[in-house]
Amino acid sequence: MPIPEDRNDEPIHHDADKARGAEIILTKRRNRTIFIAGLVGFVLLALTFGMAG
């Protein structure tokens, strides 16, 4: 890894394929259940705060 003094002031270029974020892989039933439960919990929390406010 070059030290800052050795680097040019060129912008860093990342390809779109390498820069994209992580993929959600829900291959196991347990992982799907936890993911969906989290989504449902978030919606219920938003509804609760919406009604309280």
PDB file of N, CA and C in Angstrom:
ATOM      1  N   MET A   1       0.851  -1.180   0.000  1.00  0.00           N
ATOM      2  CA  MET A   1       0.000   0.000   0.000  1.00  0.00           C
ATOM      3  C   MET A   1       0.893   1.239   0.000  1.00  0.00           C
ATOM      4  N   PRO A   2       0.687   2.122  -0.953  1.00  0.00           N
ATOM      5  CA  PRO A   2       1.545   3.299  -1.010  1.00  0.00           C
ATOM      6  C   PRO A   2       1.232   4.273   0.118  1.00  0.00           C
ATOM      7  N   ILE A   3       2.246   4.935   0.587  1.00  0.00           N
ATOM      8  CA  ILE A   3       2.042   5.953   1.610  1.00  0.00           C
ATOM      9  C   ILE A   3       1.560   7.237   0.928  1.00  0.00           C
ATOM     10  N   PRO A   4       0.893   8.121   1.656  1.00  0.00           N
ATOM     11  CA  PRO A   4       0.281   9.308   1.034  1.00  0.00           C
ATOM     12  C   PRO A   4       1.251  10.170   0.237  1.00  0.00           C
ATOM     13  N   GLU A   5       2.531  10.217   0.631  1.00  0.00           N
ATOM     14  CA  GLU A   5       3.470  11.054  -0.099  1.00  0.00           C
ATOM     15  C   GLU A   5       3.761  10.500  -1.496  1.00  0.00           C
ATOM     16  N   ASP A   6       3.641   9.196  -1.674  1.00  0.00           N
ATOM     17  CA  ASP A   6       3.943   8.559  -2.952  1.00  0.00           C
ATOM     18  C   ASP A   6       2.755   8.592  -3.916  1.00  0.00           C
ATOM     19  N   ARG A   7       1.570   8.845  -3.424  1.00  0.00           N
ATOM     20  CA  ARG A   7       0.374   8.806  -4.270  1.00  0.00           C
ATOM     21  C   ARG A   7       0.204  10.102  -5.034  1.00  0.00           C
ATOM     22  N   ASN A   8      -0.297   9.969  -6.236  1.00  0.00           N
ATOM     23  CA  ASN A   8      -0.693  11.148  -7.005  1.00  0.00           C
ATOM     24  C   ASN A   8      -2.060  11.610  -6.527  1.00  0.00           C
ATOM     25  N   ASP A   9      -2.471  12.773  -6.932  1.00  0.00           N
ATOM     26  CA  ASP A   9      -3.784  13.268  -6.550  1.00  0.00           C
ATOM     27  C   ASP A   9      -4.857  12.811  -7.537  1.00  0.00           C
ATOM     28  N   GLU A  10      -4.716  11.606  -8.014  1.00  0.00           N
ATOM     29  CA  GLU A  10      -5.694  11.054  -8.938  1.00  0.00           C
ATOM     30  C   GLU A  10      -6.896  10.548  -8.159  1.00  0.00           C
ATOM     31  N   PRO A  11      -8.090  10.719  -8.724  1.00  0.00           N
ATOM     32  CA  PRO A  11      -9.267  10.182  -8.042  1.00  0.00           C
ATOM     33  C   PRO A  11      -9.246   8.654  -8.056  1.00  0.00           C
ATOM     34  N   ILE A  12      -9.777   8.082  -7.017  1.00  0.00           N
ATOM     35  CA  ILE A  12      -9.838   6.621  -6.921  1.00  0.00           C
ATOM     36  C   ILE A  12     -11.033   6.145  -7.733  1.00  0.00           C
ATOM     37  N   HIS A  13     -10.818   5.163  -8.574  1.00  0.00           N
ATOM     38  CA  HIS A  13     -11.882   4.638  -9.421  1.00  0.00           C
ATOM     39  C   HIS A  13     -12.237   3.229  -8.977  1.00  0.00           C
ATOM     40  N   HIS A  14     -13.530   2.992  -8.752  1.00  0.00           N
ATOM     41  CA  HIS A  14     -14.016   1.662  -8.400  1.00  0.00           C
ATOM     42  C   HIS A  14     -15.011   1.226  -9.456  1.00  0.00           C
ATOM     43  N   ASP A  15     -14.869   0.005  -9.947  1.00  0.00           N
ATOM     44  CA  ASP A  15     -15.846  -0.536 -10.880  1.00  0.00           C
ATOM     45  C   ASP A  15     -17.164  -0.759 -10.150  1.00  0.00           C
ATOM     46  N   ALA A  16     -18.261  -0.678 -10.881  1.00  0.00           N
ATOM     47  CA  ALA A  16     -19.582  -0.851 -10.275  1.00  0.00           C
ATOM     48  C   ALA A  16     -19.739  -2.247  -9.686  1.00  0.00           C
ATOM     49  N   ASP A  17     -19.186  -3.248 -10.342  1.00  0.00           N
ATOM     50  CA  ASP A  17     -19.306  -4.614  -9.827  1.00  0.00           C
ATOM     51  C   ASP A  17     -18.577  -4.790  -8.504  1.00  0.00           C
ATOM     52  N   LYS A  18     -17.452  -4.118  -8.355  1.00  0.00           N
ATOM     53  CA  LYS A  18     -16.675  -4.255  -7.133  1.00  0.00           C
ATOM     54  C   LYS A  18     -17.179  -3.335  -6.025  1.00  0.00           C
ATOM     55  N   ALA A  19     -17.879  -2.263  -6.376  1.00  0.00           N
ATOM     56  CA  ALA A  19     -18.290  -1.276  -5.387  1.00  0.00           C
ATOM     57  C   ALA A  19     -19.673  -1.534  -4.805  1.00  0.00           C
ATOM     58  N   ARG A  20     -20.423  -2.421  -5.414  1.00  0.00           N
ATOM     59  CA  ARG A  20     -21.785  -2.620  -4.904  1.00  0.00           C
ATOM     60  C   ARG A  20     -21.744  -3.274  -3.536  1.00  0.00           C
ATOM     61  N   GLY A  21     -22.813  -3.052  -2.791  1.00  0.00           N
ATOM     62  CA  GLY A  21     -22.870  -3.529  -1.420  1.00  0.00           C
ATOM     63  C   GLY A  21     -23.101  -5.020  -1.323  1.00  0.00           C
ATOM     64  N   ALA A  22     -23.254  -5.465  -0.113  1.00  0.00           N
ATOM     65  CA  ALA A  22     -23.451  -6.888   0.139  1.00  0.00           C
ATOM     66  C   ALA A  22     -24.823  -7.339  -0.337  1.00  0.00           C
ATOM     67  N   GLU A  23     -24.907  -8.588  -0.664  1.00  0.00           N
ATOM     68  CA  GLU A  23     -26.178  -9.165  -1.073  1.00  0.00           C
ATOM     69  C   GLU A  23     -26.812  -9.832   0.137  1.00  0.00           C
ATOM     70  N   ILE A  24     -28.132  -9.779   0.198  1.00  0.00           N
ATOM     71  CA  ILE A  24     -28.843 -10.479   1.258  1.00  0.00           C
ATOM     72  C   ILE A  24     -29.123 -11.887   0.745  1.00  0.00           C
ATOM     73  N   ILE A  25     -28.501 -12.864   1.363  1.00  0.00           N
ATOM     74  CA  ILE A  25     -28.679 -14.249   0.937  1.00  0.00           C
ATOM     75  C   ILE A  25     -29.475 -14.962   2.027  1.00  0.00           C
ATOM     76  N   LEU A  26     -30.710 -15.295   1.708  1.00  0.00           N
ATOM     77  CA  LEU A  26     -31.604 -15.928   2.676  1.00  0.00           C
ATOM     78  C   LEU A  26     -31.886 -17.356   2.220  1.00  0.00           C
ATOM     79  N   THR A  27     -30.882 -18.199   2.304  1.00  0.00           N
ATOM     80  CA  THR A  27     -31.036 -19.562   1.816  1.00  0.00           C
ATOM     81  C   THR A  27     -31.661 -20.488   2.847  1.00  0.00           C
ATOM     82  N   LYS A  28     -31.453 -20.197   4.112  1.00  0.00           N
ATOM     83  CA  LYS A  28     -31.991 -21.062   5.165  1.00  0.00           C
ATOM     84  C   LYS A  28     -33.295 -20.487   5.694  1.00  0.00           C
ATOM     85  N   ARG A  29     -34.176 -21.364   6.096  1.00  0.00           N
ATOM     86  CA  ARG A  29     -35.484 -20.938   6.604  1.00  0.00           C
ATOM     87  C   ARG A  29     -35.320 -20.049   7.842  1.00  0.00           C
ATOM     88  N   ARG A  30     -34.373 -20.381   8.680  1.00  0.00           N
ATOM     89  CA  ARG A  30     -34.138 -19.589   9.898  1.00  0.00           C
ATOM     90  C   ARG A  30     -33.751 -18.159   9.540  1.00  0.00           C
ATOM     91  N   ASN A  31     -32.894 -17.982   8.558  1.00  0.00           N
ATOM     92  CA  ASN A  31     -32.470 -16.641   8.154  1.00  0.00           C
ATOM     93  C   ASN A  31     -33.643 -15.840   7.584  1.00  0.00           C
ATOM     94  N   ARG A  32     -34.476 -16.484   6.774  1.00  0.00           N
ATOM     95  CA  ARG A  32     -35.660 -15.799   6.227  1.00  0.00           C
ATOM     96  C   ARG A  32     -36.602 -15.388   7.338  1.00  0.00           C
ATOM     97  N   THR A  33     -36.800 -16.271   8.310  1.00  0.00           N
ATOM     98  CA  THR A  33     -37.710 -15.971   9.425  1.00  0.00           C
ATOM     99  C   THR A  33     -37.213 -14.786  10.237  1.00  0.00           C
ATOM    100  N   ILE A  34     -35.937 -14.764  10.543  1.00  0.00           N
ATOM    101  CA  ILE A  34     -35.364 -13.651  11.313  1.00  0.00           C
ATOM    102  C   ILE A  34     -35.464 -12.355  10.528  1.00  0.00           C
ATOM    103  N   PHE A  35     -35.190 -12.394   9.225  1.00  0.00           N
ATOM    104  CA  PHE A  35     -35.253 -11.197   8.394  1.00  0.00           C
ATOM    105  C   PHE A  35     -36.674 -10.650   8.334  1.00  0.00           C
ATOM    106  N   ILE A  36     -37.647 -11.502   8.089  1.00  0.00           N
ATOM    107  CA  ILE A  36     -39.042 -11.061   7.995  1.00  0.00           C
ATOM    108  C   ILE A  36     -39.542 -10.574   9.350  1.00  0.00           C
ATOM    109  N   ALA A  37     -39.149 -11.233  10.437  1.00  0.00           N
ATOM    110  CA  ALA A  37     -39.535 -10.784  11.772  1.00  0.00           C
ATOM    111  C   ALA A  37     -38.971  -9.400  12.062  1.00  0.00           C
ATOM    112  N   GLY A  38     -37.758  -9.134  11.617  1.00  0.00           N
ATOM    113  CA  GLY A  38     -37.177  -7.806  11.793  1.00  0.00           C
ATOM    114  C   GLY A  38     -37.937  -6.742  11.023  1.00  0.00           C
ATOM    115  N   LEU A  39     -38.341  -7.068   9.792  1.00  0.00           N
ATOM    116  CA  LEU A  39     -39.130  -6.115   8.999  1.00  0.00           C
ATOM    117  C   LEU A  39     -40.477  -5.836   9.650  1.00  0.00           C
ATOM    118  N   VAL A  40     -41.150  -6.893  10.102  1.00  0.00           N
ATOM    119  CA  VAL A  40     -42.448  -6.732  10.759  1.00  0.00           C
ATOM    120  C   VAL A  40     -42.290  -5.922  12.041  1.00  0.00           C
ATOM    121  N   GLY A  41     -41.240  -6.215  12.815  1.00  0.00           N
ATOM    122  CA  GLY A  41     -40.996  -5.463  14.044  1.00  0.00           C
ATOM    123  C   GLY A  41     -40.770  -3.986  13.773  1.00  0.00           C
ATOM    124  N   PHE A  42     -40.030  -3.678  12.702  1.00  0.00           N
ATOM    125  CA  PHE A  42     -39.787  -2.282  12.350  1.00  0.00           C
ATOM    126  C   PHE A  42     -41.086  -1.573  11.982  1.00  0.00           C
ATOM    127  N   VAL A  43     -41.943  -2.230  11.218  1.00  0.00           N
ATOM    128  CA  VAL A  43     -43.230  -1.633  10.824  1.00  0.00           C
ATOM    129  C   VAL A  43     -44.098  -1.413  12.056  1.00  0.00           C
ATOM    130  N   LEU A  44     -44.150  -2.396  12.947  1.00  0.00           N
ATOM    131  CA  LEU A  44     -44.953  -2.234  14.167  1.00  0.00           C
ATOM    132  C   LEU A  44     -44.413  -1.103  15.042  1.00  0.00           C
ATOM    133  N   LEU A  45     -43.107  -0.976  15.126  1.00  0.00           N
ATOM    134  CA  LEU A  45     -42.508   0.109  15.898  1.00  0.00           C
ATOM    135  C   LEU A  45     -42.860   1.466  15.287  1.00  0.00           C
ATOM    136  N   ALA A  46     -42.800   1.554  13.960  1.00  0.00           N
ATOM    137  CA  ALA A  46     -43.143   2.808  13.291  1.00  0.00           C
ATOM    138  C   ALA A  46     -44.617   3.157  13.504  1.00  0.00           C
ATOM    139  N   LEU A  47     -45.482   2.159  13.428  1.00  0.00           N
ATOM    140  CA  LEU A  47     -46.913   2.407  13.671  1.00  0.00           C
ATOM    141  C   LEU A  47     -47.169   2.845  15.113  1.00  0.00           C
ATOM    142  N   THR A  48     -46.476   2.238  16.050  1.00  0.00           N
ATOM    143  CA  THR A  48     -46.635   2.589  17.464  1.00  0.00           C
ATOM    144  C   THR A  48     -46.221   4.024  17.716  1.00  0.00           C
ATOM    145  N   PHE A  49     -45.074   4.420  17.177  1.00  0.00           N
ATOM    146  CA  PHE A  49     -44.630   5.803  17.353  1.00  0.00           C
ATOM    147  C   PHE A  49     -45.514   6.776  16.588  1.00  0.00           C
ATOM    148  N   GLY A  50     -46.051   6.336  15.466  1.00  0.00           N
ATOM    149  CA  GLY A  50     -46.936   7.190  14.692  1.00  0.00           C
ATOM    150  C   GLY A  50     -48.241   7.472  15.426  1.00  0.00           C
ATOM    151  N   MET A  51     -48.769   6.476  16.095  1.00  0.00           N
ATOM    152  CA  MET A  51     -50.025   6.656  16.834  1.00  0.00           C
ATOM    153  C   MET A  51     -49.800   7.416  18.135  1.00  0.00           C
ATOM    154  N   ALA A  52     -48.617   7.277  18.722  1.00  0.00           N
ATOM    155  CA  ALA A  52     -48.319   7.961  19.977  1.00  0.00           C
ATOM    156  C   ALA A  52     -48.075   9.449  19.754  1.00  0.00           C
ATOM    157  N   GLY A  53     -47.631   9.799  18.558  1.00  0.00           N
ATOM    158  CA  GLY A  53     -47.240  11.188  18.304  1.00  0.00           C
ATOM    159  C   GLY A  53     -48.287  12.054  17.765  1.00  0.00           C
TER     160      GLY A  53
END
